[in-house]
Amino acid sequence: MAALPREAVIGVIGAGVMGAGIAQVAAAAGHTVLMLDAQPNAVARARAAIDKDLQGRVGKGRLAAEDAQATLARLHPAIDFGELARCALVIEAIAEDFDAKRTLLARLQQAVPDHCIIATNTSSLSITALAAGGAHPERVVGMHFFNPPTRMKLVEVISGVETSPDAVQTVFDTAEAWGKKAAFAKCTPGFIVNRIARPFYAEAWLVLSESAASPATLDAIVRDCGGFPMGPFELMDLIGHDVNFKVTQSVFKATFGDRRYAPSLAQQELVRSGRLGRKSGRGIYDFRDGAETAQPKVEPGSDPVRRVVAVGSLGIATPIITRLEQAGIDIVRVQGTGSAAAAGWLEIGAARLMLTDGRPATRRAAEEGHEHLLLFDLALDYATTKRLALAPADQCGEAALRTVCATLAQAGFACSRMDDVAGMIVLRTIAMLVNEAADAVAYGICTADAIDDAMRYGVNYPRGPMAWAESVGLDFFARVLANLREHYGGERYRTSVLIQRRGWTHSGFHH
């Protein structure tokens, strides 16, 4: 199959923000677009909003005036369903209501010609269930655009049980022809992005529930160390806690109560109180006029040392040593034996500094026989990160902690302290993202490449879960997940069979 030709007419039902954006994308790609909405004047309002957006791009030099005019000229109102008989593809973009969507799709299957593909822009509803109410479920495809459709590059293309492979491929190719990055998935709760992203929020809620640090500090660690454009709490405030909580509930229910997707009681309380985030003025943070902006905490330092002993290898964290050297600190390298051969450390004054592996610092201090033990969190790039998260063991003295912070500050690291929670925040989040991604590949939901594309282009992750796995190593994540499961018990941190087998490539499985 191939993308629909430019002369193919596209129908869009629903002229809200998503429908207008989808219509604009299709029209910009050269298609005549018919827009239909049950509300009077909705299409006229949508067309005016599209015109305003196009003129804004012209004013910024991003679009030629003639191209803007041509795009707008391709947008036409449709009076009723009969006009959609001209369409090769109809995309419904009404409210995320199962009954309303299913009724509309059943009606469309009767109204449009046999060659017309019907796409539903749903973020989490089952394509199989939505299509089952009509006469031709083989023509129904999920086509999930991200908001705003004109700027977000990802489109998830989802097949239900009865969906024709030809219809799926045509929609996939058409999305790509429209300048989007298409990612294919079988119908599953949350599809790719909304399912795999659950740990990004869930682990943050669990760490916060253990009073590990303030939300502002945790957000700063995830941004600065993890490389994410936003931390989990500020992102949920932006999305809206009602929306985020509803998606989590939907995935939890659809997976028959799998504890990996359990909603947060704390978020439920926020929703009940009406603190939904930016749109209500308060969420985790306070956005009201005059409210003080929450700031992340940086641990004060004192008495830096001029000599650090590096025992064994720090592996991916080796750039920390390089930065200390560049700051003029004398590094004494000692070949590691025993545990240091697998996981090295830095001796900074009386303290021992090690990368977290999912075990709490207090437990590791007892196992290592070193009371002044501090763990540091995972980072996307230790060569450039401006922050390190540190978790001291309960036995660690304040003087030892402050010496470590002062010494690391010489190399440009601001140190944010966390209480001693297993896996800290970045590592446990990435480990669970990798675990979730591995399950999606293991169960044939999508390919490894589709996952990384979806998470990078759909939610702007700095690196896809599979790329994290390849960069850090499956063996390491397997140990982290085992340590988390031992610490917390239960099934939440069970390890994917694919990680246990160390068994994927970017296109799928090792055989």
Protein backbone atom coordinates (compact mmCIF):
# COMPACT_ATOMS: atom_id res chain seq x y z
CA MET A 1 0.00 0.00 0.00
CA ALA A 2 0.98 3.66 -0.26
CA ALA A 3 -0.06 7.05 1.10
CA LEU A 4 -3.30 8.54 -0.13
CA PRO A 5 -2.68 10.82 -3.13
CA ARG A 6 -3.07 14.57 -2.72
CA GLU A 7 -6.29 14.57 -4.71
CA ALA A 8 -7.89 12.29 -2.10
CA VAL A 9 -10.49 14.13 -0.03
CA ILE A 10 -10.13 13.93 3.76
CA GLY A 11 -13.03 14.27 6.18
CA VAL A 12 -12.62 15.48 9.77
CA ILE A 13 -15.48 15.20 12.26
CA GLY A 14 -15.11 17.43 15.28
CA ALA A 15 -13.90 21.01 14.96
CA GLY A 16 -12.38 21.46 18.38
CA VAL A 17 -8.68 21.98 19.05
CA MET A 18 -7.70 18.50 17.91
CA GLY A 19 -10.03 18.35 14.91
CA ALA A 20 -8.98 21.79 13.69
CA GLY A 21 -5.32 20.86 14.05
CA ILE A 22 -5.74 17.59 12.16
CA ALA A 23 -7.67 19.36 9.40
CA GLN A 24 -4.91 21.96 9.09
CA VAL A 25 -2.23 19.24 8.83
CA ALA A 26 -4.16 17.44 6.05
CA ALA A 27 -4.87 20.66 4.16
CA ALA A 28 -1.23 21.78 4.43
CA ALA A 29 -0.28 18.44 2.85
CA GLY A 30 -2.39 19.32 -0.20
CA HIS A 31 -5.72 17.60 0.48
CA THR A 32 -9.18 19.03 0.20
CA VAL A 33 -10.62 18.72 3.71
CA LEU A 34 -14.29 18.55 4.66
CA MET A 35 -14.99 19.57 8.28
CA LEU A 36 -18.15 18.52 10.08
CA ASP A 37 -19.28 19.37 13.61
CA ALA A 38 -22.60 19.01 15.41
CA GLN A 39 -22.28 22.46 16.99
CA PRO A 40 -23.41 25.46 14.90
CA ASN A 41 -20.56 27.74 13.80
CA ALA A 42 -17.91 25.36 15.19
CA VAL A 43 -16.33 24.87 11.77
CA ALA A 44 -16.29 28.62 11.13
CA ARG A 45 -14.55 29.19 14.47
CA ALA A 46 -12.06 26.43 13.70
CA ARG A 47 -11.32 27.87 10.28
CA ALA A 48 -10.73 31.31 11.83
CA ALA A 49 -8.33 29.78 14.39
CA ILE A 50 -6.47 27.98 11.60
CA ASP A 51 -6.22 31.23 9.63
CA LYS A 52 -4.82 33.00 12.68
CA ASP A 53 -2.21 30.27 13.17
CA LEU A 54 -1.22 30.33 9.50
CA GLN A 55 -0.87 34.12 9.48
CA GLY A 56 1.25 33.90 12.60
CA ARG A 57 3.62 31.57 10.81
CA VAL A 58 3.71 33.89 7.83
CA GLY A 59 4.54 36.80 10.11
CA LYS A 60 7.45 34.85 11.62
CA GLY A 61 8.80 33.92 8.20
CA ARG A 62 8.06 30.21 8.67
CA LEU A 63 5.47 29.95 5.89
CA ALA A 64 4.97 31.67 2.55
CA ALA A 65 1.81 33.79 2.31
CA GLU A 66 0.64 31.93 -0.80
CA ASP A 67 1.01 28.57 0.98
CA ALA A 68 -1.07 29.84 3.89
CA GLN A 69 -3.79 31.01 1.49
CA ALA A 70 -3.75 27.69 -0.37
CA THR A 71 -4.04 25.70 2.88
CA LEU A 72 -7.01 27.75 4.06
CA ALA A 73 -8.69 27.46 0.65
CA ARG A 74 -8.65 23.66 0.92
CA LEU A 75 -10.75 23.69 4.11
CA HIS A 76 -14.50 23.41 3.55
CA PRO A 77 -17.49 22.93 5.85
CA ALA A 78 -19.62 19.83 5.37
CA ILE A 79 -23.35 20.12 5.97
CA ASP A 80 -24.09 16.47 6.69
CA PHE A 81 -22.76 12.92 6.48
CA GLY A 82 -23.82 12.60 2.87
CA GLU A 83 -21.01 14.91 1.77
CA LEU A 84 -18.45 12.54 3.30
CA ALA A 85 -19.14 10.07 0.49
CA ARG A 86 -16.39 11.91 -1.43
CA CYS A 87 -13.76 11.02 1.20
CA ALA A 88 -11.00 8.43 1.04
CA LEU A 89 -10.28 8.90 4.75
CA VAL A 90 -12.50 10.24 7.53
CA ILE A 91 -10.94 11.06 10.89
CA GLU A 92 -13.21 11.50 13.90
CA ALA A 93 -11.86 13.84 16.58
CA ILE A 94 -14.79 14.30 18.93
CA ALA A 95 -14.59 14.20 22.74
CA GLU A 96 -12.93 11.17 24.38
CA ASP A 97 -16.23 9.46 25.21
CA PHE A 98 -16.53 5.77 24.38
CA ASP A 99 -20.28 5.65 23.71
CA ALA A 100 -20.25 8.79 21.58
CA LYS A 101 -17.30 7.61 19.52
CA ARG A 102 -18.69 4.12 19.03
CA THR A 103 -22.06 5.49 17.88
CA LEU A 104 -20.35 7.89 15.46
CA LEU A 105 -18.06 5.20 14.02
CA ALA A 106 -21.00 2.83 13.48
CA ARG A 107 -22.84 5.58 11.62
CA LEU A 108 -19.78 6.38 9.51
CA GLN A 109 -19.37 2.73 8.50
CA GLN A 110 -22.83 2.95 6.93
CA ALA A 111 -22.41 6.43 5.43
CA VAL A 112 -19.07 6.33 3.63
CA PRO A 113 -18.18 4.24 0.56
CA ASP A 114 -16.43 0.88 0.82
CA HIS A 115 -13.03 2.28 -0.12
CA CYS A 116 -13.08 4.90 2.65
CA ILE A 117 -10.92 4.31 5.72
CA ILE A 118 -12.33 5.48 9.05
CA ALA A 119 -9.83 6.67 11.66
CA THR A 120 -10.48 7.49 15.29
CA ASN A 121 -8.30 9.99 17.12
CA THR A 122 -8.46 8.37 20.54
CA SER A 123 -5.68 8.49 23.12
CA SER A 124 -6.58 5.35 25.03
CA LEU A 125 -9.92 3.78 24.03
CA SER A 126 -9.89 0.30 22.52
CA ILE A 127 -9.99 0.37 18.71
CA THR A 128 -11.41 -3.16 18.72
CA ALA A 129 -14.28 -2.18 21.01
CA LEU A 130 -15.00 1.09 19.17
CA ALA A 131 -15.15 -0.64 15.79
CA ALA A 132 -17.26 -3.58 17.00
CA GLY A 133 -20.48 -1.57 16.87
CA GLY A 134 -20.43 -1.20 13.09
CA ALA A 135 -20.84 -3.24 9.93
CA HIS A 136 -17.25 -2.83 8.69
CA PRO A 137 -14.77 -2.97 11.61
CA GLU A 138 -12.00 -3.87 9.15
CA ARG A 139 -12.00 -0.25 7.95
CA VAL A 140 -11.54 1.30 11.41
CA VAL A 141 -8.01 2.37 12.40
CA GLY A 142 -6.67 4.27 15.40
CA MET A 143 -4.90 7.49 14.37
CA HIS A 144 -3.77 9.18 17.57
CA PHE A 145 -2.42 12.69 17.03
CA PHE A 146 -0.73 14.56 19.86
CA ASN A 147 -1.68 18.05 20.95
CA PRO A 148 -1.20 20.37 19.13
CA PRO A 149 -1.38 18.28 15.94
CA THR A 150 0.25 21.01 13.84
CA ARG A 151 3.42 20.95 15.96
CA MET A 152 3.69 17.51 17.53
CA LYS A 153 5.36 15.09 15.14
CA LEU A 154 4.12 11.72 16.40
CA VAL A 155 1.05 9.87 15.17
CA GLU A 156 0.28 6.49 16.72
CA VAL A 157 -1.38 4.17 14.20
CA ILE A 158 -3.32 1.40 15.96
CA SER A 159 -4.94 -1.73 14.61
CA GLY A 160 -7.89 -3.45 16.26
CA VAL A 161 -8.49 -7.18 16.05
CA GLU A 162 -10.55 -6.82 12.85
CA THR A 163 -8.64 -3.95 11.23
CA SER A 164 -7.44 -4.63 7.69
CA PRO A 165 -3.62 -4.60 7.33
CA ASP A 166 -4.06 -2.58 4.12
CA ALA A 167 -6.03 0.10 5.95
CA VAL A 168 -3.37 0.32 8.68
CA GLN A 169 -0.56 0.59 6.16
CA THR A 170 -2.37 3.28 4.17
CA VAL A 171 -2.93 5.36 7.30
CA PHE A 172 0.70 4.84 8.38
CA ASP A 173 2.05 5.92 4.99
CA THR A 174 -0.35 8.86 4.80
CA ALA A 175 0.72 10.15 8.22
CA GLU A 176 4.35 9.96 7.11
CA ALA A 177 3.49 11.79 3.88
CA TRP A 178 1.95 14.53 6.02
CA GLY A 179 5.33 15.07 7.65
CA LYS A 180 4.60 13.07 10.79
CA LYS A 181 6.54 10.29 12.48
CA ALA A 182 4.18 7.34 12.51
CA ALA A 183 4.49 4.54 15.05
CA PHE A 184 2.47 1.33 14.65
CA ALA A 185 0.97 -0.52 17.60
CA LYS A 186 -1.53 -3.28 18.15
CA CYS A 187 -4.54 -2.31 20.22
CA THR A 188 -3.51 -2.40 23.88
CA PRO A 189 -4.37 -0.25 26.92
CA GLY A 190 -2.74 3.15 26.47
CA PHE A 191 -1.23 2.17 23.09
CA ILE A 192 2.48 3.07 23.15
CA VAL A 193 2.97 6.48 24.75
CA ASN A 194 0.23 6.49 27.38
CA ARG A 195 1.16 3.00 28.51
CA ILE A 196 4.93 3.27 28.55
CA ALA A 197 4.87 6.75 30.11
CA ARG A 198 2.97 5.57 33.21
CA PRO A 199 6.16 4.96 35.28
CA PHE A 200 7.33 8.53 34.63
CA TYR A 201 4.45 9.70 36.80
CA ALA A 202 3.95 6.68 39.06
CA GLU A 203 7.52 6.44 40.34
CA ALA A 204 7.53 10.15 41.11
CA TRP A 205 4.39 9.79 43.23
CA LEU A 206 5.88 6.85 45.11
CA VAL A 207 9.16 8.65 45.77
CA LEU A 208 7.25 11.71 46.96
CA SER A 209 5.12 9.53 49.23
CA GLU A 210 8.36 8.42 50.93
CA SER A 211 9.23 12.09 51.56
CA ALA A 212 12.44 11.71 49.58
CA ALA A 213 12.54 15.39 48.55
CA SER A 214 10.22 18.24 47.63
CA PRO A 215 8.40 18.15 44.27
CA ALA A 216 10.53 21.07 43.03
CA THR A 217 13.73 19.22 43.93
CA LEU A 218 12.55 15.98 42.32
CA ASP A 219 11.50 17.85 39.18
CA ALA A 220 14.90 19.55 38.98
CA ILE A 221 16.70 16.21 39.34
CA VAL A 222 14.62 14.61 36.58
CA ARG A 223 15.21 17.61 34.29
CA ASP A 224 18.88 18.26 34.99
CA CYS A 225 20.08 14.68 35.56
CA GLY A 226 17.60 12.74 33.44
CA GLY A 227 17.59 15.24 30.59
CA PHE A 228 13.78 15.42 30.40
CA PRO A 229 12.28 18.74 29.26
CA MET A 230 9.98 18.80 32.30
CA GLY A 231 9.87 17.02 35.62
CA PRO A 232 6.91 14.72 36.39
CA PHE A 233 5.08 17.07 38.76
CA GLU A 234 5.35 20.17 36.59
CA LEU A 235 4.27 18.08 33.59
CA MET A 236 1.21 16.75 35.42
CA ASP A 237 0.34 20.32 36.42
CA LEU A 238 0.53 21.26 32.74
CA ILE A 239 -1.48 18.27 31.48
CA GLY A 240 -4.06 18.60 34.24
CA HIS A 241 -4.27 16.13 37.11
CA ASP A 242 -7.82 15.20 36.15
CA VAL A 243 -6.68 14.18 32.67
CA ASN A 244 -3.52 12.42 33.86
CA PHE A 245 -5.35 10.58 36.64
CA LYS A 246 -8.12 9.49 34.25
CA VAL A 247 -5.62 7.99 31.80
CA THR A 248 -3.87 6.14 34.64
CA GLN A 249 -7.23 4.81 35.88
CA SER A 250 -8.11 3.72 32.34
CA VAL A 251 -4.88 1.76 31.86
CA PHE A 252 -5.17 0.25 35.38
CA LYS A 253 -8.72 -0.90 34.74
CA ALA A 254 -7.97 -2.18 31.24
CA THR A 255 -5.09 -4.31 32.57
CA PHE A 256 -7.36 -5.91 35.18
CA GLY A 257 -5.79 -4.09 38.10
CA ASP A 258 -2.12 -4.70 37.32
CA ARG A 259 -0.34 -3.00 40.24
CA ARG A 260 2.30 -1.61 37.90
CA TYR A 261 -0.31 0.91 36.74
CA ALA A 262 -1.93 1.62 40.11
CA PRO A 263 -3.18 5.22 40.38
CA SER A 264 -1.85 7.49 43.11
CA LEU A 265 -4.05 8.20 46.13
CA ALA A 266 -2.29 11.55 46.50
CA GLN A 267 -3.20 12.53 42.94
CA GLN A 268 -6.77 11.42 43.56
CA GLU A 269 -6.92 13.82 46.50
CA LEU A 270 -5.64 16.67 44.32
CA VAL A 271 -8.37 15.99 41.77
CA ARG A 272 -11.04 15.80 44.46
CA SER A 273 -9.92 19.14 45.86
CA GLY A 274 -10.07 20.81 42.45
CA ARG A 275 -6.33 21.43 42.35
CA LEU A 276 -5.94 20.34 38.73
CA GLY A 277 -2.77 22.26 37.85
CA ARG A 278 -2.24 25.33 35.71
CA LYS A 279 -5.80 25.44 34.42
CA SER A 280 -7.25 25.75 37.95
CA GLY A 281 -4.47 27.92 39.37
CA ARG A 282 -3.15 25.30 41.76
CA GLY A 283 -1.92 21.73 41.51
CA ILE A 284 1.33 20.48 42.95
CA TYR A 285 2.49 24.07 42.51
CA ASP A 286 0.72 27.37 43.06
CA PHE A 287 0.18 29.40 39.86
CA ARG A 288 -1.95 32.14 41.37
CA ASP A 289 -0.86 35.76 41.07
CA GLY A 290 1.71 36.62 43.70
CA ALA A 291 2.44 33.01 44.63
CA GLU A 292 6.06 32.20 45.37
CA THR A 293 7.76 29.93 42.85
CA ALA A 294 8.97 26.71 44.46
CA GLN A 295 12.72 26.24 44.16
CA PRO A 296 14.78 23.04 44.23
CA LYS A 297 17.09 22.59 47.19
CA VAL A 298 20.86 22.51 46.78
CA GLU A 299 22.85 20.96 49.60
CA PRO A 300 25.44 23.31 51.11
CA GLY A 301 29.04 22.19 51.06
CA SER A 302 32.05 22.78 53.26
CA ASP A 303 35.69 21.69 53.47
CA PRO A 304 36.31 20.36 49.94
CA VAL A 305 39.21 17.97 49.48
CA ARG A 306 41.97 18.37 46.91
CA ARG A 307 42.57 14.65 46.51
CA VAL A 308 40.05 11.97 45.52
CA VAL A 309 40.66 8.23 45.28
CA ALA A 310 38.89 6.47 42.38
CA VAL A 311 38.52 2.76 43.14
CA GLY A 312 37.67 0.52 40.22
CA SER A 313 35.52 1.79 37.36
CA LEU A 314 32.54 4.13 37.54
CA GLY A 315 31.41 2.91 34.11
CA ILE A 316 28.92 5.34 32.60
CA ALA A 317 29.67 7.80 35.42
CA THR A 318 33.40 8.03 34.58
CA PRO A 319 32.99 11.65 33.34
CA ILE A 320 32.57 12.66 37.00
CA ILE A 321 36.25 11.78 37.48
CA THR A 322 37.21 13.71 34.37
CA ARG A 323 35.38 16.80 35.59
CA LEU A 324 37.02 16.59 39.00
CA GLU A 325 40.43 16.38 37.32
CA GLN A 326 39.66 19.34 35.10
CA ALA A 327 38.74 21.29 38.25
CA GLY A 328 42.27 20.74 39.53
CA ILE A 329 41.52 17.96 41.98
CA ASP A 330 44.17 15.26 42.24
CA ILE A 331 42.76 11.85 41.27
CA VAL A 332 44.44 8.71 42.57
CA ARG A 333 43.29 5.66 40.62
CA VAL A 334 43.21 2.26 42.34
CA GLN A 335 42.39 -0.94 40.49
CA GLY A 336 39.24 -2.45 41.87
CA THR A 337 38.92 -5.96 43.26
CA GLY A 338 35.83 -7.80 44.44
CA SER A 339 32.73 -5.60 44.30
CA ALA A 340 34.74 -2.64 43.03
CA ALA A 341 35.57 -4.57 39.87
CA ALA A 342 31.88 -4.47 38.94
CA ALA A 343 30.90 -1.17 40.57
CA GLY A 344 33.61 1.26 41.53
CA TRP A 345 33.42 4.26 43.83
CA LEU A 346 35.06 7.50 44.80
CA GLU A 347 36.65 8.06 48.20
CA ILE A 348 36.06 11.75 49.02
CA GLY A 349 37.38 12.50 52.47
CA ALA A 350 35.67 10.11 54.86
CA ALA A 351 32.85 9.36 52.42
CA ARG A 352 32.37 6.70 49.77
CA LEU A 353 30.35 7.77 46.70
CA MET A 354 28.68 5.10 44.52
CA LEU A 355 26.09 4.91 41.74
CA THR A 356 22.70 3.70 42.97
CA ASP A 357 21.67 0.21 41.85
CA GLY A 358 18.18 0.02 43.33
CA ARG A 359 19.27 -0.83 46.87
CA PRO A 360 18.92 1.81 49.61
CA ALA A 361 22.14 3.49 50.73
CA THR A 362 21.67 2.33 54.32
CA ARG A 363 21.53 -1.31 53.26
CA ARG A 364 24.55 -0.92 51.00
CA ALA A 365 26.50 0.82 53.77
CA ALA A 366 25.96 -2.22 55.96
CA GLU A 367 26.90 -4.60 53.15
CA GLU A 368 29.96 -2.55 52.17
CA GLY A 369 31.06 -2.05 55.77
CA HIS A 370 31.36 1.71 55.23
CA GLU A 371 29.12 3.97 57.31
CA HIS A 372 29.75 7.22 55.39
CA LEU A 373 28.20 5.92 52.17
CA LEU A 374 26.44 8.15 49.66
CA LEU A 375 24.71 7.11 46.46
CA PHE A 376 24.30 9.27 43.38
CA ASP A 377 21.52 8.97 40.84
CA LEU A 378 21.61 8.04 37.16
CA ALA A 379 22.21 10.86 34.67
CA LEU A 380 21.78 11.14 30.93
CA ASP A 381 25.24 12.64 30.51
CA TYR A 382 27.60 12.98 33.47
CA ALA A 383 29.92 15.10 31.34
CA THR A 384 27.41 17.94 31.08
CA THR A 385 24.84 17.59 33.87
CA LYS A 386 24.83 20.55 36.22
CA ARG A 387 23.22 18.62 39.06
CA LEU A 388 23.80 15.37 40.95
CA ALA A 389 21.26 13.82 43.27
CA LEU A 390 22.79 12.32 46.42
CA ALA A 391 21.23 9.93 48.94
CA PRO A 392 23.25 9.42 52.15
CA ALA A 393 22.96 6.29 54.26
CA ASP A 394 21.38 6.85 57.67
CA GLN A 395 24.80 6.31 59.26
CA CYS A 396 26.48 8.94 57.07
CA GLY A 397 27.62 12.00 58.97
CA GLU A 398 26.64 15.51 57.89
CA ALA A 399 30.29 16.56 57.73
CA ALA A 400 31.06 13.77 55.26
CA LEU A 401 28.06 14.75 53.11
CA ARG A 402 29.05 18.42 53.04
CA THR A 403 32.63 17.58 52.08
CA VAL A 404 31.35 15.54 49.13
CA CYS A 405 29.00 18.38 48.05
CA ALA A 406 31.76 20.99 48.31
CA THR A 407 34.19 18.84 46.33
CA LEU A 408 31.66 18.08 43.59
CA ALA A 409 30.78 21.77 43.43
CA GLN A 410 34.37 22.42 42.32
CA ALA A 411 33.54 20.37 39.19
CA GLY A 412 30.30 22.24 38.50
CA PHE A 413 27.83 19.90 40.19
CA ALA A 414 25.00 21.31 42.30
CA CYS A 415 24.13 18.55 44.75
CA SER A 416 20.49 17.94 45.64
CA ARG A 417 19.88 15.69 48.60
CA MET A 418 17.28 12.93 48.64
CA ASP A 419 16.24 10.79 51.55
CA ASP A 420 17.35 7.19 51.30
CA VAL A 421 14.77 5.66 48.93
CA ALA A 422 15.55 2.62 46.83
CA GLY A 423 16.65 3.51 43.31
CA MET A 424 16.39 7.27 43.99
CA ILE A 425 14.30 8.97 41.25
CA VAL A 426 15.95 8.97 37.81
CA LEU A 427 17.26 5.40 37.95
CA ARG A 428 14.04 3.78 39.12
CA THR A 429 12.02 5.79 36.59
CA ILE A 430 14.27 4.81 33.68
CA ALA A 431 14.41 1.19 34.85
CA MET A 432 10.62 1.01 34.84
CA LEU A 433 10.36 2.73 31.45
CA VAL A 434 12.80 0.16 30.07
CA ASN A 435 10.84 -2.64 31.73
CA GLU A 436 7.54 -1.41 30.30
CA ALA A 437 9.06 -1.03 26.84
CA ALA A 438 10.53 -4.52 26.98
CA ASP A 439 7.11 -5.97 27.79
CA ALA A 440 5.57 -4.13 24.83
CA VAL A 441 8.13 -5.72 22.51
CA ALA A 442 7.87 -9.14 24.18
CA TYR A 443 4.10 -9.23 23.71
CA GLY A 444 4.25 -8.09 20.09
CA ILE A 445 2.52 -4.75 20.69
CA CYS A 446 5.11 -2.81 18.71
CA THR A 447 8.79 -2.83 17.75
CA ALA A 448 11.64 -1.39 19.78
CA ASP A 449 12.15 1.30 17.15
CA ALA A 450 8.47 2.30 17.34
CA ILE A 451 8.78 2.71 21.10
CA ASP A 452 11.81 4.97 20.94
CA ASP A 453 10.26 7.02 18.13
CA ALA A 454 7.00 7.32 20.05
CA MET A 455 8.60 8.47 23.29
CA ARG A 456 10.97 10.90 21.60
CA TYR A 457 8.46 12.47 19.23
CA GLY A 458 5.30 12.08 21.30
CA VAL A 459 6.50 13.26 24.72
CA ASN A 460 9.94 14.68 23.91
CA TYR A 461 11.99 12.20 25.92
CA PRO A 462 15.71 12.89 25.47
CA ARG A 463 16.34 9.21 24.77
CA GLY A 464 13.98 6.32 24.13
CA PRO A 465 13.78 3.46 26.66
CA MET A 466 15.50 1.05 24.28
CA ALA A 467 18.33 3.52 23.70
CA TRP A 468 18.70 3.82 27.49
CA ALA A 469 18.89 0.03 27.73
CA GLU A 470 21.59 -0.14 25.07
CA SER A 471 23.54 2.75 26.60
CA VAL A 472 23.50 1.59 30.22
CA GLY A 473 23.13 -2.17 29.75
CA LEU A 474 20.38 -4.72 30.26
CA ASP A 475 22.36 -6.53 32.96
CA PHE A 476 22.40 -3.37 35.05
CA PHE A 477 18.66 -2.74 34.67
CA ALA A 478 17.95 -6.40 35.47
CA ARG A 479 19.85 -6.00 38.77
CA VAL A 480 18.08 -2.72 39.54
CA LEU A 481 14.63 -4.21 38.98
CA ALA A 482 15.51 -7.27 41.09
CA ASN A 483 16.73 -5.01 43.90
CA LEU A 484 13.58 -2.88 43.75
CA ARG A 485 11.37 -5.93 43.84
CA GLU A 486 13.27 -7.38 46.79
CA HIS A 487 12.99 -4.08 48.64
CA TYR A 488 9.30 -3.37 48.02
CA GLY A 489 7.91 -6.86 47.46
CA GLY A 490 4.87 -7.50 45.31
CA GLU A 491 4.58 -7.62 41.54
CA ARG A 492 5.15 -3.97 40.64
CA TYR A 493 8.85 -4.40 39.85
CA ARG A 494 8.66 -7.80 38.19
CA THR A 495 11.23 -8.03 35.40
CA SER A 496 10.11 -8.38 31.79
CA VAL A 497 10.85 -11.74 30.23
CA LEU A 498 12.70 -9.93 27.47
CA ILE A 499 15.11 -8.35 29.97
CA GLN A 500 15.58 -11.68 31.68
CA ARG A 501 16.53 -13.16 28.31
CA ARG A 502 18.64 -10.07 27.47
CA GLY A 503 16.77 -10.52 24.21
CA TRP A 504 15.95 -7.60 21.94
CA THR A 505 17.36 -5.74 19.01
CA HIS A 506 16.00 -2.41 17.83
CA SER A 507 13.81 -4.19 15.31
CA GLY A 508 12.48 -6.85 17.65
CA PHE A 509 13.79 -10.07 19.14
CA HIS A 510 17.02 -11.94 19.24
CA HIS A 511 16.28 -15.48 18.08
